[in-house]
Structure formats: structure tokens, C-alpha cells
Amino acid sequence: KEGRFGPYITDGITNITVPRSTSLEELTREQAVELLAEKRAKGPVKRTTAARKAPVKKKAPAKK
């Protein structure tokens, strides 16, 4: 399939992007099944959370 970020392969559950070194026309069904199996074996992608900055506090106006 052609997606927003380029061609990809799916089995309905797992999605993988087609490697840039391989053209979509050259990819065989057996290679696609093998790539999907490798992706499933790796497991889900672990995402890191970005550190949040402390909110900037406004200074109170100086009293006269």
C-alpha cells in the first residue's frame, strides 16, 4: 500500500515500511511475510517521554 510516509506492508495488525533498499515491485510475498515476522518478534516500539519544563512564574509587581 502507498501511505503518507511511503509504501508499507500490512497483515491487518502489524504495519512495516518497505525498506528503501528494496523496491515495491521487487518484493516477493515470502520476503514480505519474513519482514512482518521480524517486526512482530521485536515487539512494540518503546517511546520515551520528553522532560517537561517547569512553568515560568510571573513576578509580582513591586509594591510602592
Foldseek 3Di string as FASTA:
>chain_A
DADPVGDWDDPPPDIDHDDPVDDPVRDDPVNNVVVRVVVVVVPDDDDDDDDDDDDDDDDDDDDD
